[in-house]
PDB file of N, CA and C in Angstrom:
ATOM      1  N   MET A   1     -20.600  -2.027   3.769  1.00  0.00           N
ATOM      2  CA  MET A   1     -20.163  -1.901   5.141  1.00  0.00           C
ATOM      3  C   MET A   1     -20.141  -3.236   5.878  1.00  0.00           C
ATOM      4  N   LYS A   2     -20.689  -4.275   5.261  1.00  0.00           N
ATOM      5  CA  LYS A   2     -20.710  -5.557   5.957  1.00  0.00           C
ATOM      6  C   LYS A   2     -19.316  -6.147   6.164  1.00  0.00           C
ATOM      7  N   LEU A   3     -18.312  -5.626   5.443  1.00  0.00           N
ATOM      8  CA  LEU A   3     -16.945  -6.109   5.664  1.00  0.00           C
ATOM      9  C   LEU A   3     -16.457  -5.808   7.074  1.00  0.00           C
ATOM     10  N   PHE A   4     -16.980  -4.732   7.687  1.00  0.00           N
ATOM     11  CA  PHE A   4     -16.563  -4.393   9.039  1.00  0.00           C
ATOM     12  C   PHE A   4     -17.105  -5.378  10.065  1.00  0.00           C
ATOM     13  N   LEU A   5     -18.106  -6.156   9.715  1.00  0.00           N
ATOM     14  CA  LEU A   5     -18.655  -7.144  10.637  1.00  0.00           C
ATOM     15  C   LEU A   5     -17.684  -8.298  10.870  1.00  0.00           C
ATOM     16  N   GLY A   6     -16.718  -8.467   9.992  1.00  0.00           N
ATOM     17  CA  GLY A   6     -15.727  -9.533  10.130  1.00  0.00           C
ATOM     18  C   GLY A   6     -14.601  -9.163  11.075  1.00  0.00           C
ATOM     19  N   ASN A   7     -14.856  -8.242  12.010  1.00  0.00           N
ATOM     20  CA  ASN A   7     -13.873  -7.841  13.012  1.00  0.00           C
ATOM     21  C   ASN A   7     -12.646  -7.198  12.380  1.00  0.00           C
ATOM     22  N   ARG A   8     -12.872  -6.387  11.344  1.00  0.00           N
ATOM     23  CA  ARG A   8     -11.791  -5.664  10.684  1.00  0.00           C
ATOM     24  C   ARG A   8     -11.782  -4.223  11.172  1.00  0.00           C
ATOM     25  N   THR A   9     -10.598  -3.636  11.197  1.00  0.00           N
ATOM     26  CA  THR A   9     -10.458  -2.250  11.596  1.00  0.00           C
ATOM     27  C   THR A   9      -9.593  -1.533  10.572  1.00  0.00           C
ATOM     28  N   TYR A  10     -10.033  -0.372  10.159  1.00  0.00           N
ATOM     29  CA  TYR A  10      -9.273   0.467   9.237  1.00  0.00           C
ATOM     30  C   TYR A  10      -8.935   1.753   9.973  1.00  0.00           C
ATOM     31  N   VAL A  11      -7.635   2.067  10.046  1.00  0.00           N
ATOM     32  CA  VAL A  11      -7.187   3.188  10.855  1.00  0.00           C
ATOM     33  C   VAL A  11      -6.260   4.069  10.031  1.00  0.00           C
ATOM     34  N   GLY A  12      -6.437   5.369  10.166  1.00  0.00           N
ATOM     35  CA  GLY A  12      -5.513   6.323   9.556  1.00  0.00           C
ATOM     36  C   GLY A  12      -4.645   6.934  10.653  1.00  0.00           C
ATOM     37  N   VAL A  13      -3.375   7.135  10.367  1.00  0.00           N
ATOM     38  CA  VAL A  13      -2.462   7.715  11.353  1.00  0.00           C
ATOM     39  C   VAL A  13      -1.674   8.847  10.708  1.00  0.00           C
ATOM     40  N   ASP A  14      -1.237   9.793  11.518  1.00  0.00           N
ATOM     41  CA  ASP A  14      -0.393  10.887  11.072  1.00  0.00           C
ATOM     42  C   ASP A  14       1.059  10.494  11.346  1.00  0.00           C
ATOM     43  N   LEU A  15       1.726   9.969  10.327  1.00  0.00           N
ATOM     44  CA  LEU A  15       3.099   9.487  10.519  1.00  0.00           C
ATOM     45  C   LEU A  15       4.059  10.604  10.899  1.00  0.00           C
ATOM     46  N   ARG A  16       3.810  11.807  10.393  1.00  0.00           N
ATOM     47  CA  ARG A  16       4.696  12.924  10.765  1.00  0.00           C
ATOM     48  C   ARG A  16       4.644  13.163  12.267  1.00  0.00           C
ATOM     49  N   GLN A  17       3.449  13.095  12.847  1.00  0.00           N
ATOM     50  CA  GLN A  17       3.321  13.305  14.288  1.00  0.00           C
ATOM     51  C   GLN A  17       3.943  12.160  15.066  1.00  0.00           C
ATOM     52  N   LEU A  18       3.758  10.932  14.589  1.00  0.00           N
ATOM     53  CA  LEU A  18       4.382   9.786  15.264  1.00  0.00           C
ATOM     54  C   LEU A  18       5.901   9.886  15.253  1.00  0.00           C
ATOM     55  N   VAL A  19       6.468  10.275  14.107  1.00  0.00           N
ATOM     56  CA  VAL A  19       7.922  10.417  14.011  1.00  0.00           C
ATOM     57  C   VAL A  19       8.402  11.524  14.951  1.00  0.00           C
ATOM     58  N   ALA A  20       7.650  12.611  15.030  1.00  0.00           N
ATOM     59  CA  ALA A  20       8.032  13.718  15.913  1.00  0.00           C
ATOM     60  C   ALA A  20       7.966  13.308  17.381  1.00  0.00           C
ATOM     61  N   ASP A  21       6.935  12.550  17.745  1.00  0.00           N
ATOM     62  CA  ASP A  21       6.731  12.181  19.150  1.00  0.00           C
ATOM     63  C   ASP A  21       7.503  10.934  19.579  1.00  0.00           C
ATOM     64  N   TYR A  22       7.648   9.971  18.683  1.00  0.00           N
ATOM     65  CA  TYR A  22       8.246   8.670  19.036  1.00  0.00           C
ATOM     66  C   TYR A  22       9.237   8.200  17.965  1.00  0.00           C
ATOM     67  N   PRO A  23      10.309   8.944  17.711  1.00  0.00           N
ATOM     68  CA  PRO A  23      11.211   8.561  16.619  1.00  0.00           C
ATOM     69  C   PRO A  23      11.842   7.183  16.788  1.00  0.00           C
ATOM     70  N   ASP A  24      12.174   6.801  18.020  1.00  0.00           N
ATOM     71  CA  ASP A  24      12.796   5.484  18.237  1.00  0.00           C
ATOM     72  C   ASP A  24      11.825   4.350  17.943  1.00  0.00           C
ATOM     73  N   ARG A  25      10.573   4.498  18.363  1.00  0.00           N
ATOM     74  CA  ARG A  25       9.569   3.461  18.094  1.00  0.00           C
ATOM     75  C   ARG A  25       9.287   3.341  16.603  1.00  0.00           C
ATOM     76  N   VAL A  26       9.178   4.474  15.934  1.00  0.00           N
ATOM     77  CA  VAL A  26       8.921   4.442  14.488  1.00  0.00           C
ATOM     78  C   VAL A  26      10.077   3.754  13.775  1.00  0.00           C
ATOM     79  N   ALA A  27      11.307   4.056  14.164  1.00  0.00           N
ATOM     80  CA  ALA A  27      12.473   3.411  13.551  1.00  0.00           C
ATOM     81  C   ALA A  27      12.446   1.907  13.790  1.00  0.00           C
ATOM     82  N   MET A  28      12.057   1.495  14.997  1.00  0.00           N
ATOM     83  CA  MET A  28      11.987   0.062  15.307  1.00  0.00           C
ATOM     84  C   MET A  28      10.934  -0.631  14.430  1.00  0.00           C
ATOM     85  N   PHE A  29       9.736  -0.022  14.358  1.00  0.00           N
ATOM     86  CA  PHE A  29       8.673  -0.631  13.559  1.00  0.00           C
ATOM     87  C   PHE A  29       9.009  -0.627  12.072  1.00  0.00           C
ATOM     88  N   LEU A  30       9.645   0.428  11.597  1.00  0.00           N
ATOM     89  CA  LEU A  30      10.058   0.468  10.194  1.00  0.00           C
ATOM     90  C   LEU A  30      11.073  -0.630   9.905  1.00  0.00           C
ATOM     91  N   GLY A  31      11.995  -0.840  10.838  1.00  0.00           N
ATOM     92  CA  GLY A  31      12.963  -1.926  10.677  1.00  0.00           C
ATOM     93  C   GLY A  31      12.293  -3.285  10.618  1.00  0.00           C
ATOM     94  N   LYS A  32      11.283  -3.507  11.492  1.00  0.00           N
ATOM     95  CA  LYS A  32      10.540  -4.770  11.463  1.00  0.00           C
ATOM     96  C   LYS A  32       9.775  -4.925  10.156  1.00  0.00           C
ATOM     97  N   PHE A  33       9.167  -3.830   9.709  1.00  0.00           N
ATOM     98  CA  PHE A  33       8.428  -3.871   8.445  1.00  0.00           C
ATOM     99  C   PHE A  33       9.345  -4.235   7.287  1.00  0.00           C
ATOM    100  N   LEU A  34      10.510  -3.579   7.215  1.00  0.00           N
ATOM    101  CA  LEU A  34      11.446  -3.871   6.128  1.00  0.00           C
ATOM    102  C   LEU A  34      11.947  -5.305   6.190  1.00  0.00           C
ATOM    103  N   ASP A  35      12.187  -5.807   7.401  1.00  0.00           N
ATOM    104  CA  ASP A  35      12.604  -7.198   7.548  1.00  0.00           C
ATOM    105  C   ASP A  35      11.530  -8.150   7.017  1.00  0.00           C
ATOM    106  N   MET A  36      10.269  -7.890   7.383  1.00  0.00           N
ATOM    107  CA  MET A  36       9.174  -8.728   6.894  1.00  0.00           C
ATOM    108  C   MET A  36       9.053  -8.628   5.371  1.00  0.00           C
ATOM    109  N   HIS A  37       9.246  -7.428   4.844  1.00  0.00           N
ATOM    110  CA  HIS A  37       9.174  -7.240   3.389  1.00  0.00           C
ATOM    111  C   HIS A  37      10.281  -8.034   2.687  1.00  0.00           C
ATOM    112  N   HIS A  38      11.508  -7.955   3.202  1.00  0.00           N
ATOM    113  CA  HIS A  38      12.627  -8.679   2.589  1.00  0.00           C
ATOM    114  C   HIS A  38      12.440 -10.189   2.667  1.00  0.00           C
ATOM    115  N   ARG A  39      11.770 -10.663   3.702  1.00  0.00           N
ATOM    116  CA  ARG A  39      11.509 -12.099   3.834  1.00  0.00           C
ATOM    117  C   ARG A  39      10.235 -12.513   3.099  1.00  0.00           C
ATOM    118  N   GLU A  40       9.633 -11.567   2.376  1.00  0.00           N
ATOM    119  CA  GLU A  40       8.428 -11.787   1.564  1.00  0.00           C
ATOM    120  C   GLU A  40       7.273 -12.338   2.391  1.00  0.00           C
ATOM    121  N   LEU A  41       7.126 -11.823   3.614  1.00  0.00           N
ATOM    122  CA  LEU A  41       6.027 -12.219   4.474  1.00  0.00           C
ATOM    123  C   LEU A  41       4.788 -11.350   4.265  1.00  0.00           C
ATOM    124  N   LEU A  42       4.958 -10.224   3.597  1.00  0.00           N
ATOM    125  CA  LEU A  42       3.854  -9.295   3.365  1.00  0.00           C
ATOM    126  C   LEU A  42       3.321  -9.489   1.957  1.00  0.00           C
ATOM    127  N   GLN A  43       2.027  -9.433   1.824  1.00  0.00           N
ATOM    128  CA  GLN A  43       1.384  -9.612   0.523  1.00  0.00           C
ATOM    129  C   GLN A  43       0.525  -8.388   0.214  1.00  0.00           C
ATOM    130  N   PRO A  44       0.373  -8.045  -1.057  1.00  0.00           N
ATOM    131  CA  PRO A  44      -0.504  -6.920  -1.408  1.00  0.00           C
ATOM    132  C   PRO A  44      -1.964  -7.275  -1.162  1.00  0.00           C
ATOM    133  N   LEU A  45      -2.789  -6.253  -1.071  1.00  0.00           N
ATOM    134  CA  LEU A  45      -4.221  -6.485  -0.920  1.00  0.00           C
ATOM    135  C   LEU A  45      -4.738  -7.264  -2.113  1.00  0.00           C
ATOM    136  N   ARG A  46      -5.564  -8.220  -1.855  1.00  0.00           N
ATOM    137  CA  ARG A  46      -6.206  -9.021  -2.896  1.00  0.00           C
ATOM    138  C   ARG A  46      -7.697  -8.967  -2.686  1.00  0.00           C
ATOM    139  N   PRO A  47      -8.465  -9.056  -3.675  1.00  0.00           N
ATOM    140  CA  PRO A  47      -8.096  -9.112  -5.084  1.00  0.00           C
ATOM    141  C   PRO A  47      -7.791  -7.725  -5.629  1.00  0.00           C
ATOM    142  N   VAL A  48      -7.111  -7.705  -6.766  1.00  0.00           N
ATOM    143  CA  VAL A  48      -6.861  -6.464  -7.488  1.00  0.00           C
ATOM    144  C   VAL A  48      -7.826  -6.440  -8.656  1.00  0.00           C
ATOM    145  N   THR A  49      -8.631  -5.401  -8.739  1.00  0.00           N
ATOM    146  CA  THR A  49      -9.569  -5.237  -9.840  1.00  0.00           C
ATOM    147  C   THR A  49      -9.068  -4.088 -10.699  1.00  0.00           C
ATOM    148  N   CYS A  50      -8.843  -4.345 -11.988  1.00  0.00           N
ATOM    149  CA  CYS A  50      -8.258  -3.345 -12.877  1.00  0.00           C
ATOM    150  C   CYS A  50      -9.304  -2.771 -13.823  1.00  0.00           C
ATOM    151  N   PHE A  51      -9.208  -1.489 -14.010  1.00  0.00           N
ATOM    152  CA  PHE A  51     -10.040  -0.782 -14.978  1.00  0.00           C
ATOM    153  C   PHE A  51      -9.097   0.029 -15.847  1.00  0.00           C
ATOM    154  N   GLY A  52      -9.255  -0.057 -17.176  1.00  0.00           N
ATOM    155  CA  GLY A  52      -8.428   0.746 -18.076  1.00  0.00           C
ATOM    156  C   GLY A  52      -8.495   2.191 -17.654  1.00  0.00           C
ATOM    157  N   ALA A  53      -9.099   3.024 -18.444  1.00  0.00           N
ATOM    158  CA  ALA A  53      -9.303   4.417 -18.059  1.00  0.00           C
ATOM    159  C   ALA A  53     -10.765   4.646 -17.699  1.00  0.00           C
ATOM    160  N   GLU A  54     -11.487   3.567 -17.346  1.00  0.00           N
ATOM    161  CA  GLU A  54     -12.908   3.657 -17.043  1.00  0.00           C
ATOM    162  C   GLU A  54     -13.105   4.051 -15.577  1.00  0.00           C
ATOM    163  N   VAL A  55     -12.896   5.323 -15.280  1.00  0.00           N
ATOM    164  CA  VAL A  55     -12.982   5.817 -13.912  1.00  0.00           C
ATOM    165  C   VAL A  55     -14.401   5.663 -13.377  1.00  0.00           C
ATOM    166  N   LYS A  56     -15.400   5.944 -14.212  1.00  0.00           N
ATOM    167  CA  LYS A  56     -16.795   5.842 -13.779  1.00  0.00           C
ATOM    168  C   LYS A  56     -17.105   4.413 -13.330  1.00  0.00           C
ATOM    169  N   GLN A  57     -16.674   3.425 -14.103  1.00  0.00           N
ATOM    170  CA  GLN A  57     -16.918   2.023 -13.734  1.00  0.00           C
ATOM    171  C   GLN A  57     -16.169   1.656 -12.449  1.00  0.00           C
ATOM    172  N   ALA A  58     -14.970   2.193 -12.276  1.00  0.00           N
ATOM    173  CA  ALA A  58     -14.201   1.908 -11.064  1.00  0.00           C
ATOM    174  C   ALA A  58     -14.930   2.437  -9.831  1.00  0.00           C
ATOM    175  N   PHE A  59     -15.463   3.657  -9.920  1.00  0.00           N
ATOM    176  CA  PHE A  59     -16.199   4.214  -8.780  1.00  0.00           C
ATOM    177  C   PHE A  59     -17.504   3.453  -8.529  1.00  0.00           C
ATOM    178  N   GLN A  60     -18.168   3.027  -9.575  1.00  0.00           N
ATOM    179  CA  GLN A  60     -19.376   2.227  -9.396  1.00  0.00           C
ATOM    180  C   GLN A  60     -19.049   0.917  -8.697  1.00  0.00           C
ATOM    181  N   HIS A  61     -17.917   0.343  -9.044  1.00  0.00           N
ATOM    182  CA  HIS A  61     -17.451  -0.889  -8.402  1.00  0.00           C
ATOM    183  C   HIS A  61     -17.234  -0.661  -6.904  1.00  0.00           C
ATOM    184  N   LEU A  62     -16.664   0.479  -6.542  1.00  0.00           N
ATOM    185  CA  LEU A  62     -16.402   0.788  -5.139  1.00  0.00           C
ATOM    186  C   LEU A  62     -17.673   1.109  -4.361  1.00  0.00           C
ATOM    187  N   GLN A  63     -18.672   1.652  -5.039  1.00  0.00           N
ATOM    188  CA  GLN A  63     -19.888   2.086  -4.361  1.00  0.00           C
ATOM    189  C   GLN A  63     -20.717   0.935  -3.812  1.00  0.00           C
ATOM    190  N   ASP A  64     -20.468  -0.276  -4.246  1.00  0.00           N
ATOM    191  CA  ASP A  64     -21.236  -1.416  -3.745  1.00  0.00           C
ATOM    192  C   ASP A  64     -21.084  -1.575  -2.233  1.00  0.00           C
ATOM    193  N   GLY A  65     -19.973  -1.131  -1.681  1.00  0.00           N
ATOM    194  CA  GLY A  65     -19.784  -1.167  -0.240  1.00  0.00           C
ATOM    195  C   GLY A  65     -19.344  -2.499   0.321  1.00  0.00           C
ATOM    196  N   ASP A  66     -19.231  -3.517  -0.505  1.00  0.00           N
ATOM    197  CA  ASP A  66     -18.796  -4.822   0.004  1.00  0.00           C
ATOM    198  C   ASP A  66     -17.502  -5.264  -0.671  1.00  0.00           C
ATOM    199  N   ARG A  67     -16.726  -4.298  -1.096  1.00  0.00           N
ATOM    200  CA  ARG A  67     -15.477  -4.600  -1.792  1.00  0.00           C
ATOM    201  C   ARG A  67     -14.319  -4.628  -0.820  1.00  0.00           C
ATOM    202  N   LEU A  68     -13.426  -5.564  -1.037  1.00  0.00           N
ATOM    203  CA  LEU A  68     -12.192  -5.649  -0.278  1.00  0.00           C
ATOM    204  C   LEU A  68     -11.096  -5.869  -1.298  1.00  0.00           C
ATOM    205  N   GLY A  69      -9.988  -5.230  -1.116  1.00  0.00           N
ATOM    206  CA  GLY A  69      -8.886  -5.366  -2.053  1.00  0.00           C
ATOM    207  C   GLY A  69      -8.496  -4.016  -2.592  1.00  0.00           C
ATOM    208  N   LYS A  70      -7.969  -4.025  -3.800  1.00  0.00           N
ATOM    209  CA  LYS A  70      -7.447  -2.808  -4.392  1.00  0.00           C
ATOM    210  C   LYS A  70      -8.077  -2.605  -5.753  1.00  0.00           C
ATOM    211  N   VAL A  71      -8.406  -1.351  -6.067  1.00  0.00           N
ATOM    212  CA  VAL A  71      -8.925  -0.993  -7.377  1.00  0.00           C
ATOM    213  C   VAL A  71      -7.860  -0.155  -8.061  1.00  0.00           C
ATOM    214  N   VAL A  72      -7.511  -0.504  -9.297  1.00  0.00           N
ATOM    215  CA  VAL A  72      -6.479   0.193 -10.042  1.00  0.00           C
ATOM    216  C   VAL A  72      -7.079   0.736 -11.323  1.00  0.00           C
ATOM    217  N   VAL A  73      -6.875   2.035 -11.560  1.00  0.00           N
ATOM    218  CA  VAL A  73      -7.271   2.670 -12.821  1.00  0.00           C
ATOM    219  C   VAL A  73      -5.987   3.067 -13.524  1.00  0.00           C
ATOM    220  N   THR A  74      -5.788   2.569 -14.730  1.00  0.00           N
ATOM    221  CA  THR A  74      -4.574   2.898 -15.474  1.00  0.00           C
ATOM    222  C   THR A  74      -4.902   3.877 -16.581  1.00  0.00           C
ATOM    223  N   VAL A  75      -4.000   4.824 -16.781  1.00  0.00           N
ATOM    224  CA  VAL A  75      -4.171   5.838 -17.820  1.00  0.00           C
ATOM    225  C   VAL A  75      -2.920   5.815 -18.694  1.00  0.00           C
ATOM    226  N   GLN A  76      -3.108   5.610 -19.973  1.00  0.00           N
ATOM    227  CA  GLN A  76      -1.980   5.565 -20.902  1.00  0.00           C
ATOM    228  C   GLN A  76      -1.255   6.910 -20.926  1.00  0.00           C
ATOM    229  N   GLY A  77       0.059   6.872 -21.007  1.00  0.00           N
ATOM    230  CA  GLY A  77       0.836   8.090 -21.141  1.00  0.00           C
ATOM    231  C   GLY A  77       1.231   8.724 -19.812  1.00  0.00           C
ATOM    232  N   LEU A  78       0.798   8.146 -18.692  1.00  0.00           N
ATOM    233  CA  LEU A  78       1.153   8.713 -17.393  1.00  0.00           C
ATOM    234  C   LEU A  78       2.066   7.778 -16.604  1.00  0.00           C
ATOM    235  N   GLY A  79       2.831   6.997 -17.291  1.00  0.00           N
ATOM    236  CA  GLY A  79       3.726   6.070 -16.601  1.00  0.00           C
ATOM    237  C   GLY A  79       3.349   4.639 -16.909  1.00  0.00           C
ATOM    238  N   ASP A  80       3.633   3.774 -15.969  1.00  0.00           N
ATOM    239  CA  ASP A  80       3.379   2.344 -16.140  1.00  0.00           C
ATOM    240  C   ASP A  80       1.891   2.089 -16.184  1.00  0.00           C
ATOM    241  N   SER A  81       1.436   1.457 -17.262  1.00  0.00           N
ATOM    242  CA  SER A  81       0.002   1.163 -17.411  1.00  0.00           C
ATOM    243  C   SER A  81      -0.289  -0.305 -17.215  1.00  0.00           C
ATOM    244  N   THR A  82       0.616  -1.026 -16.578  1.00  0.00           N
ATOM    245  CA  THR A  82       0.444  -2.455 -16.357  1.00  0.00           C
ATOM    246  C   THR A  82      -0.288  -2.707 -15.049  1.00  0.00           C
ATOM    247  N   CYS A  83      -1.251  -3.578 -15.067  1.00  0.00           N
ATOM    248  CA  CYS A  83      -1.974  -3.966 -13.857  1.00  0.00           C
ATOM    249  C   CYS A  83      -1.626  -5.413 -13.564  1.00  0.00           C
ATOM    250  N   LEU A  84      -1.010  -5.659 -12.437  1.00  0.00           N
ATOM    251  CA  LEU A  84      -0.632  -7.017 -12.042  1.00  0.00           C
ATOM    252  C   LEU A  84      -1.691  -7.590 -11.139  1.00  0.00           C
ATOM    253  N   LYS A  85      -2.060  -8.843 -11.360  1.00  0.00           N
ATOM    254  CA  LYS A  85      -3.046  -9.502 -10.520  1.00  0.00           C
ATOM    255  C   LYS A  85      -2.374 -10.500  -9.625  1.00  0.00           C
TER     256      LYS A  85
END
């Protein structure tokens, strides 16, 4: 939980409700997001920590509480099993 001390905020939103209530604003923000994406101004969460099919180890990694980034568990036979760093 000490990551929250760095003045970070994590927020969940109901996009269906936002689209229903403010369709013009959502369209504007989506357009800005796509523009930023096309100009490659957005980056994925780093670091990426990959675990083969070791789900138990992945959850243990997350339980430390001081992790930031993305955890990826790949399972063979269910699509792309490549983990990019």
